Amino acid sequence: MEKLTMSELQQLRAAAGIPRIVLADKAGVSRFRLYEAENNLRQLTDEEYKKIRKVLSSELEKAARSAAQLRERINALT
């Protein structure tokens, strides 16, 4: 399984608008462990990584749907 860099994970988390603490809780991963991983102090296990990717994917889909709905609303106003 190809893995994202921790920098890429941070960027995706920011794009999804999800704080580290929320991501950790939703993924069932220790908050401190995620902090360490994002700061290149520790590697995530494959299982932790898989859980985080699943949550990020879901959150990014929600953000994309919200953005599309807002774009439609803005376009309807013009």
PDB file of N, CA and C in Angstrom:
ATOM      1  N   MET A   1       0.850  -1.175   0.000  1.00  0.00           N
ATOM      2  CA  MET A   1       0.000   0.000   0.000  1.00  0.00           C
ATOM      3  C   MET A   1       0.896   1.239   0.000  1.00  0.00           C
ATOM      4  N   GLU A   2       0.682   2.074  -0.993  1.00  0.00           N
ATOM      5  CA  GLU A   2       1.441   3.329  -1.050  1.00  0.00           C
ATOM      6  C   GLU A   2       0.891   4.281   0.006  1.00  0.00           C
ATOM      7  N   LYS A   3       1.794   4.928   0.711  1.00  0.00           N
ATOM      8  CA  LYS A   3       1.379   5.824   1.792  1.00  0.00           C
ATOM      9  C   LYS A   3       1.661   7.270   1.425  1.00  0.00           C
ATOM     10  N   LEU A   4       0.803   8.135   1.927  1.00  0.00           N
ATOM     11  CA  LEU A   4       1.025   9.571   1.805  1.00  0.00           C
ATOM     12  C   LEU A   4       2.094   9.979   2.799  1.00  0.00           C
ATOM     13  N   THR A   5       2.786  11.050   2.499  1.00  0.00           N
ATOM     14  CA  THR A   5       3.719  11.591   3.477  1.00  0.00           C
ATOM     15  C   THR A   5       2.908  12.240   4.590  1.00  0.00           C
ATOM     16  N   MET A   6       3.546  12.467   5.707  1.00  0.00           N
ATOM     17  CA  MET A   6       2.844  13.115   6.817  1.00  0.00           C
ATOM     18  C   MET A   6       2.448  14.535   6.441  1.00  0.00           C
ATOM     19  N   SER A   7       3.251  15.188   5.640  1.00  0.00           N
ATOM     20  CA  SER A   7       2.907  16.524   5.153  1.00  0.00           C
ATOM     21  C   SER A   7       1.635  16.471   4.314  1.00  0.00           C
ATOM     22  N   GLU A   8       1.532  15.465   3.477  1.00  0.00           N
ATOM     23  CA  GLU A   8       0.327  15.305   2.650  1.00  0.00           C
ATOM     24  C   GLU A   8      -0.886  14.996   3.524  1.00  0.00           C
ATOM     25  N   LEU A   9      -0.697  14.181   4.549  1.00  0.00           N
ATOM     26  CA  LEU A   9      -1.798  13.898   5.464  1.00  0.00           C
ATOM     27  C   LEU A   9      -2.271  15.168   6.159  1.00  0.00           C
ATOM     28  N   GLN A  10      -1.336  16.000   6.590  1.00  0.00           N
ATOM     29  CA  GLN A  10      -1.700  17.272   7.229  1.00  0.00           C
ATOM     30  C   GLN A  10      -2.469  18.158   6.252  1.00  0.00           C
ATOM     31  N   GLN A  11      -2.025  18.199   5.000  1.00  0.00           N
ATOM     32  CA  GLN A  11      -2.699  19.021   3.992  1.00  0.00           C
ATOM     33  C   GLN A  11      -4.114  18.517   3.742  1.00  0.00           C
ATOM     34  N   LEU A  12      -4.279  17.202   3.658  1.00  0.00           N
ATOM     35  CA  LEU A  12      -5.615  16.642   3.456  1.00  0.00           C
ATOM     36  C   LEU A  12      -6.511  16.908   4.655  1.00  0.00           C
ATOM     37  N   ARG A  13      -5.937  16.795   5.845  1.00  0.00           N
ATOM     38  CA  ARG A  13      -6.717  17.071   7.057  1.00  0.00           C
ATOM     39  C   ARG A  13      -7.184  18.526   7.076  1.00  0.00           C
ATOM     40  N   ALA A  14      -6.296  19.426   6.694  1.00  0.00           N
ATOM     41  CA  ALA A  14      -6.650  20.848   6.639  1.00  0.00           C
ATOM     42  C   ALA A  14      -7.711  21.100   5.567  1.00  0.00           C
ATOM     43  N   ALA A  15      -7.558  20.468   4.409  1.00  0.00           N
ATOM     44  CA  ALA A  15      -8.533  20.642   3.326  1.00  0.00           C
ATOM     45  C   ALA A  15      -9.907  20.129   3.728  1.00  0.00           C
ATOM     46  N   ALA A  16      -9.926  19.073   4.530  1.00  0.00           N
ATOM     47  CA  ALA A  16     -11.192  18.519   4.999  1.00  0.00           C
ATOM     48  C   ALA A  16     -11.773  19.348   6.140  1.00  0.00           C
ATOM     49  N   GLY A  17     -10.956  20.250   6.685  1.00  0.00           N
ATOM     50  CA  GLY A  17     -11.424  21.093   7.780  1.00  0.00           C
ATOM     51  C   GLY A  17     -11.610  20.318   9.075  1.00  0.00           C
ATOM     52  N   ILE A  18     -10.778  19.322   9.278  1.00  0.00           N
ATOM     53  CA  ILE A  18     -10.925  18.475  10.455  1.00  0.00           C
ATOM     54  C   ILE A  18      -9.687  18.618  11.357  1.00  0.00           C
ATOM     55  N   PRO A  19      -9.892  19.024  12.589  1.00  0.00           N
ATOM     56  CA  PRO A  19      -8.765  19.152  13.510  1.00  0.00           C
ATOM     57  C   PRO A  19      -8.146  17.781  13.818  1.00  0.00           C
ATOM     58  N   ARG A  20      -6.889  17.784  14.178  1.00  0.00           N
ATOM     59  CA  ARG A  20      -6.173  16.538  14.484  1.00  0.00           C
ATOM     60  C   ARG A  20      -6.908  15.724  15.545  1.00  0.00           C
ATOM     61  N   ILE A  21      -7.393  16.389  16.575  1.00  0.00           N
ATOM     62  CA  ILE A  21      -8.058  15.685  17.675  1.00  0.00           C
ATOM     63  C   ILE A  21      -9.318  14.960  17.186  1.00  0.00           C
ATOM     64  N   VAL A  22     -10.048  15.589  16.287  1.00  0.00           N
ATOM     65  CA  VAL A  22     -11.268  14.982  15.754  1.00  0.00           C
ATOM     66  C   VAL A  22     -10.910  13.803  14.854  1.00  0.00           C
ATOM     67  N   LEU A  23      -9.908  13.995  14.000  1.00  0.00           N
ATOM     68  CA  LEU A  23      -9.473  12.901  13.123  1.00  0.00           C
ATOM     69  C   LEU A  23      -9.040  11.704  13.958  1.00  0.00           C
ATOM     70  N   ALA A  24      -8.239  11.941  14.962  1.00  0.00           N
ATOM     71  CA  ALA A  24      -7.762  10.846  15.810  1.00  0.00           C
ATOM     72  C   ALA A  24      -8.929  10.116  16.459  1.00  0.00           C
ATOM     73  N   ASP A  25      -9.885  10.871  17.003  1.00  0.00           N
ATOM     74  CA  ASP A  25     -11.041  10.253  17.657  1.00  0.00           C
ATOM     75  C   ASP A  25     -11.878   9.445  16.671  1.00  0.00           C
ATOM     76  N   LYS A  26     -12.165  10.017  15.500  1.00  0.00           N
ATOM     77  CA  LYS A  26     -12.987   9.314  14.510  1.00  0.00           C
ATOM     78  C   LYS A  26     -12.294   8.070  13.972  1.00  0.00           C
ATOM     79  N   ALA A  27     -10.978   8.122  13.873  1.00  0.00           N
ATOM     80  CA  ALA A  27     -10.215   6.989  13.345  1.00  0.00           C
ATOM     81  C   ALA A  27      -9.879   5.961  14.423  1.00  0.00           C
ATOM     82  N   GLY A  28     -10.098   6.320  15.682  1.00  0.00           N
ATOM     83  CA  GLY A  28      -9.769   5.410  16.764  1.00  0.00           C
ATOM     84  C   GLY A  28      -8.271   5.268  16.967  1.00  0.00           C
ATOM     85  N   VAL A  29      -7.567   6.365  16.704  1.00  0.00           N
ATOM     86  CA  VAL A  29      -6.111   6.393  16.851  1.00  0.00           C
ATOM     87  C   VAL A  29      -5.778   7.368  17.973  1.00  0.00           C
ATOM     88  N   SER A  30      -4.778   7.055  18.731  1.00  0.00           N
ATOM     89  CA  SER A  30      -4.348   7.935  19.808  1.00  0.00           C
ATOM     90  C   SER A  30      -4.032   9.328  19.261  1.00  0.00           C
ATOM     91  N   ARG A  31      -4.520  10.346  19.938  1.00  0.00           N
ATOM     92  CA  ARG A  31      -4.253  11.731  19.536  1.00  0.00           C
ATOM     93  C   ARG A  31      -2.755  12.010  19.538  1.00  0.00           C
ATOM     94  N   PHE A  32      -2.075  11.529  20.559  1.00  0.00           N
ATOM     95  CA  PHE A  32      -0.641  11.755  20.662  1.00  0.00           C
ATOM     96  C   PHE A  32       0.105  11.022  19.554  1.00  0.00           C
ATOM     97  N   ARG A  33      -0.348   9.832  19.229  1.00  0.00           N
ATOM     98  CA  ARG A  33       0.291   9.052  18.163  1.00  0.00           C
ATOM     99  C   ARG A  33       0.153   9.767  16.819  1.00  0.00           C
ATOM    100  N   LEU A  34      -1.015  10.331  16.552  1.00  0.00           N
ATOM    101  CA  LEU A  34      -1.213  11.082  15.314  1.00  0.00           C
ATOM    102  C   LEU A  34      -0.335  12.331  15.311  1.00  0.00           C
ATOM    103  N   TYR A  35      -0.250  13.004  16.441  1.00  0.00           N
ATOM    104  CA  TYR A  35       0.631  14.165  16.568  1.00  0.00           C
ATOM    105  C   TYR A  35       2.072  13.771  16.251  1.00  0.00           C
ATOM    106  N   GLU A  36       2.519  12.680  16.857  1.00  0.00           N
ATOM    107  CA  GLU A  36       3.893  12.220  16.610  1.00  0.00           C
ATOM    108  C   GLU A  36       4.114  11.886  15.131  1.00  0.00           C
ATOM    109  N   ALA A  37       3.146  11.244  14.534  1.00  0.00           N
ATOM    110  CA  ALA A  37       3.274  10.861  13.123  1.00  0.00           C
ATOM    111  C   ALA A  37       3.323  12.096  12.230  1.00  0.00           C
ATOM    112  N   GLU A  38       2.449  13.057  12.492  1.00  0.00           N
ATOM    113  CA  GLU A  38       2.429  14.265  11.665  1.00  0.00           C
ATOM    114  C   GLU A  38       3.705  15.091  11.819  1.00  0.00           C
ATOM    115  N   ASN A  39       4.385  14.895  12.908  1.00  0.00           N
ATOM    116  CA  ASN A  39       5.634  15.619  13.143  1.00  0.00           C
ATOM    117  C   ASN A  39       6.863  14.743  12.910  1.00  0.00           C
ATOM    118  N   ASN A  40       6.644  13.655  12.179  1.00  0.00           N
ATOM    119  CA  ASN A  40       7.715  12.728  11.800  1.00  0.00           C
ATOM    120  C   ASN A  40       8.525  12.205  12.988  1.00  0.00           C
ATOM    121  N   LEU A  41       7.848  11.996  14.105  1.00  0.00           N
ATOM    122  CA  LEU A  41       8.505  11.445  15.289  1.00  0.00           C
ATOM    123  C   LEU A  41       8.257   9.943  15.418  1.00  0.00           C
ATOM    124  N   ARG A  42       7.238   9.459  14.691  1.00  0.00           N
ATOM    125  CA  ARG A  42       6.856   8.050  14.772  1.00  0.00           C
ATOM    126  C   ARG A  42       6.093   7.677  13.508  1.00  0.00           C
ATOM    127  N   GLN A  43       6.173   6.429  13.137  1.00  0.00           N
ATOM    128  CA  GLN A  43       5.435   5.933  11.975  1.00  0.00           C
ATOM    129  C   GLN A  43       4.111   5.329  12.431  1.00  0.00           C
ATOM    130  N   LEU A  44       3.083   5.535  11.643  1.00  0.00           N
ATOM    131  CA  LEU A  44       1.809   4.886  11.919  1.00  0.00           C
ATOM    132  C   LEU A  44       1.882   3.439  11.465  1.00  0.00           C
ATOM    133  N   THR A  45       1.121   2.573  12.142  1.00  0.00           N
ATOM    134  CA  THR A  45       1.020   1.197  11.677  1.00  0.00           C
ATOM    135  C   THR A  45       0.148   1.201  10.417  1.00  0.00           C
ATOM    136  N   ASP A  46       0.200   0.123   9.655  1.00  0.00           N
ATOM    137  CA  ASP A  46      -0.649   0.026   8.464  1.00  0.00           C
ATOM    138  C   ASP A  46      -2.122   0.146   8.828  1.00  0.00           C
ATOM    139  N   GLU A  47      -2.515  -0.453   9.946  1.00  0.00           N
ATOM    140  CA  GLU A  47      -3.913  -0.404  10.383  1.00  0.00           C
ATOM    141  C   GLU A  47      -4.324   1.026  10.764  1.00  0.00           C
ATOM    142  N   GLU A  48      -3.478   1.726  11.500  1.00  0.00           N
ATOM    143  CA  GLU A  48      -3.770   3.121  11.862  1.00  0.00           C
ATOM    144  C   GLU A  48      -3.874   3.982  10.606  1.00  0.00           C
ATOM    145  N   TYR A  49      -2.947   3.773   9.710  1.00  0.00           N
ATOM    146  CA  TYR A  49      -2.933   4.538   8.467  1.00  0.00           C
ATOM    147  C   TYR A  49      -4.215   4.297   7.681  1.00  0.00           C
ATOM    148  N   LYS A  50      -4.646   3.050   7.609  1.00  0.00           N
ATOM    149  CA  LYS A  50      -5.868   2.701   6.875  1.00  0.00           C
ATOM    150  C   LYS A  50      -7.089   3.393   7.492  1.00  0.00           C
ATOM    151  N   LYS A  51      -7.173   3.386   8.819  1.00  0.00           N
ATOM    152  CA  LYS A  51      -8.297   4.032   9.512  1.00  0.00           C
ATOM    153  C   LYS A  51      -8.315   5.538   9.241  1.00  0.00           C
ATOM    154  N   ILE A  52      -7.149   6.157   9.290  1.00  0.00           N
ATOM    155  CA  ILE A  52      -7.052   7.595   9.060  1.00  0.00           C
ATOM    156  C   ILE A  52      -7.436   7.935   7.621  1.00  0.00           C
ATOM    157  N   ARG A  53      -6.950   7.153   6.676  1.00  0.00           N
ATOM    158  CA  ARG A  53      -7.309   7.388   5.269  1.00  0.00           C
ATOM    159  C   ARG A  53      -8.807   7.280   5.054  1.00  0.00           C
ATOM    160  N   LYS A  54      -9.446   6.315   5.704  1.00  0.00           N
ATOM    161  CA  LYS A  54     -10.893   6.125   5.558  1.00  0.00           C
ATOM    162  C   LYS A  54     -11.657   7.356   6.069  1.00  0.00           C
ATOM    163  N   VAL A  55     -11.262   7.853   7.236  1.00  0.00           N
ATOM    164  CA  VAL A  55     -11.921   9.040   7.805  1.00  0.00           C
ATOM    165  C   VAL A  55     -11.663  10.261   6.928  1.00  0.00           C
ATOM    166  N   LEU A  56     -10.422  10.459   6.501  1.00  0.00           N
ATOM    167  CA  LEU A  56     -10.105  11.612   5.656  1.00  0.00           C
ATOM    168  C   LEU A  56     -10.869  11.568   4.346  1.00  0.00           C
ATOM    169  N   SER A  57     -10.979  10.401   3.755  1.00  0.00           N
ATOM    170  CA  SER A  57     -11.712  10.259   2.502  1.00  0.00           C
ATOM    171  C   SER A  57     -13.171  10.669   2.682  1.00  0.00           C
ATOM    172  N   SER A  58     -13.775  10.194   3.747  1.00  0.00           N
ATOM    173  CA  SER A  58     -15.171  10.536   4.045  1.00  0.00           C
ATOM    174  C   SER A  58     -15.337  12.033   4.287  1.00  0.00           C
ATOM    175  N   GLU A  59     -14.441  12.611   5.073  1.00  0.00           N
ATOM    176  CA  GLU A  59     -14.525  14.042   5.384  1.00  0.00           C
ATOM    177  C   GLU A  59     -14.286  14.907   4.145  1.00  0.00           C
ATOM    178  N   LEU A  60     -13.379  14.482   3.273  1.00  0.00           N
ATOM    179  CA  LEU A  60     -13.127  15.237   2.036  1.00  0.00           C
ATOM    180  C   LEU A  60     -14.329  15.180   1.106  1.00  0.00           C
ATOM    181  N   GLU A  61     -14.999  14.030   1.066  1.00  0.00           N
ATOM    182  CA  GLU A  61     -16.220  13.919   0.252  1.00  0.00           C
ATOM    183  C   GLU A  61     -17.293  14.868   0.770  1.00  0.00           C
ATOM    184  N   LYS A  62     -17.453  14.929   2.093  1.00  0.00           N
ATOM    185  CA  LYS A  62     -18.434  15.852   2.693  1.00  0.00           C
ATOM    186  C   LYS A  62     -18.087  17.298   2.336  1.00  0.00           C
ATOM    187  N   ALA A  63     -16.810  17.644   2.444  1.00  0.00           N
ATOM    188  CA  ALA A  63     -16.377  19.012   2.133  1.00  0.00           C
ATOM    189  C   ALA A  63     -16.628  19.337   0.664  1.00  0.00           C
ATOM    190  N   ALA A  64     -16.381  18.382  -0.221  1.00  0.00           N
ATOM    191  CA  ALA A  64     -16.599  18.600  -1.656  1.00  0.00           C
ATOM    192  C   ALA A  64     -18.085  18.791  -1.957  1.00  0.00           C
ATOM    193  N   ARG A  65     -18.941  18.006  -1.309  1.00  0.00           N
ATOM    194  CA  ARG A  65     -20.389  18.164  -1.508  1.00  0.00           C
ATOM    195  C   ARG A  65     -20.855  19.526  -1.015  1.00  0.00           C
ATOM    196  N   SER A  66     -20.362  19.939   0.149  1.00  0.00           N
ATOM    197  CA  SER A  66     -20.736  21.247   0.689  1.00  0.00           C
ATOM    198  C   SER A  66     -20.281  22.371  -0.229  1.00  0.00           C
ATOM    199  N   ALA A  67     -19.068  22.250  -0.748  1.00  0.00           N
ATOM    200  CA  ALA A  67     -18.548  23.271  -1.663  1.00  0.00           C
ATOM    201  C   ALA A  67     -19.393  23.336  -2.930  1.00  0.00           C
ATOM    202  N   ALA A  68     -19.790  22.190  -3.453  1.00  0.00           N
ATOM    203  CA  ALA A  68     -20.612  22.159  -4.666  1.00  0.00           C
ATOM    204  C   ALA A  68     -21.978  22.801  -4.412  1.00  0.00           C
ATOM    205  N   GLN A  69     -22.566  22.516  -3.249  1.00  0.00           N
ATOM    206  CA  GLN A  69     -23.861  23.110  -2.911  1.00  0.00           C
ATOM    207  C   GLN A  69     -23.750  24.621  -2.762  1.00  0.00           C
ATOM    208  N   LEU A  70     -22.693  25.079  -2.132  1.00  0.00           N
ATOM    209  CA  LEU A  70     -22.490  26.532  -1.990  1.00  0.00           C
ATOM    210  C   LEU A  70     -22.256  27.198  -3.337  1.00  0.00           C
ATOM    211  N   ARG A  71     -21.498  26.530  -4.200  1.00  0.00           N
ATOM    212  CA  ARG A  71     -21.239  27.073  -5.536  1.00  0.00           C
ATOM    213  C   ARG A  71     -22.555  27.205  -6.316  1.00  0.00           C
ATOM    214  N   GLU A  72     -23.420  26.188  -6.210  1.00  0.00           N
ATOM    215  CA  GLU A  72     -24.733  26.243  -6.872  1.00  0.00           C
ATOM    216  C   GLU A  72     -25.560  27.396  -6.312  1.00  0.00           C
ATOM    217  N   ARG A  73     -25.519  27.563  -5.017  1.00  0.00           N
ATOM    218  CA  ARG A  73     -26.284  28.646  -4.365  1.00  0.00           C
ATOM    219  C   ARG A  73     -25.784  30.019  -4.843  1.00  0.00           C
ATOM    220  N   ILE A  74     -24.465  30.173  -4.906  1.00  0.00           N
ATOM    221  CA  ILE A  74     -23.881  31.438  -5.370  1.00  0.00           C
ATOM    222  C   ILE A  74     -24.259  31.696  -6.816  1.00  0.00           C
ATOM    223  N   ASN A  75     -24.188  30.668  -7.646  1.00  0.00           N
ATOM    224  CA  ASN A  75     -24.528  30.816  -9.062  1.00  0.00           C
ATOM    225  C   ASN A  75     -26.010  31.156  -9.241  1.00  0.00           C
ATOM    226  N   ALA A  76     -26.856  30.650  -8.367  1.00  0.00           N
ATOM    227  CA  ALA A  76     -28.285  30.942  -8.455  1.00  0.00           C
ATOM    228  C   ALA A  76     -28.571  32.391  -8.097  1.00  0.00           C
ATOM    229  N   LEU A  77     -27.698  33.023  -7.332  1.00  0.00           N
ATOM    230  CA  LEU A  77     -27.893  34.403  -6.923  1.00  0.00           C
ATOM    231  C   LEU A  77     -27.464  35.400  -7.997  1.00  0.00           C
ATOM    232  N   THR A  78     -26.698  34.945  -8.971  1.00  0.00           N
ATOM    233  CA  THR A  78     -26.206  35.878  -9.989  1.00  0.00           C
ATOM    234  C   THR A  78     -27.079  35.864 -11.216  1.00  0.00           C
TER     235      THR A  78
END
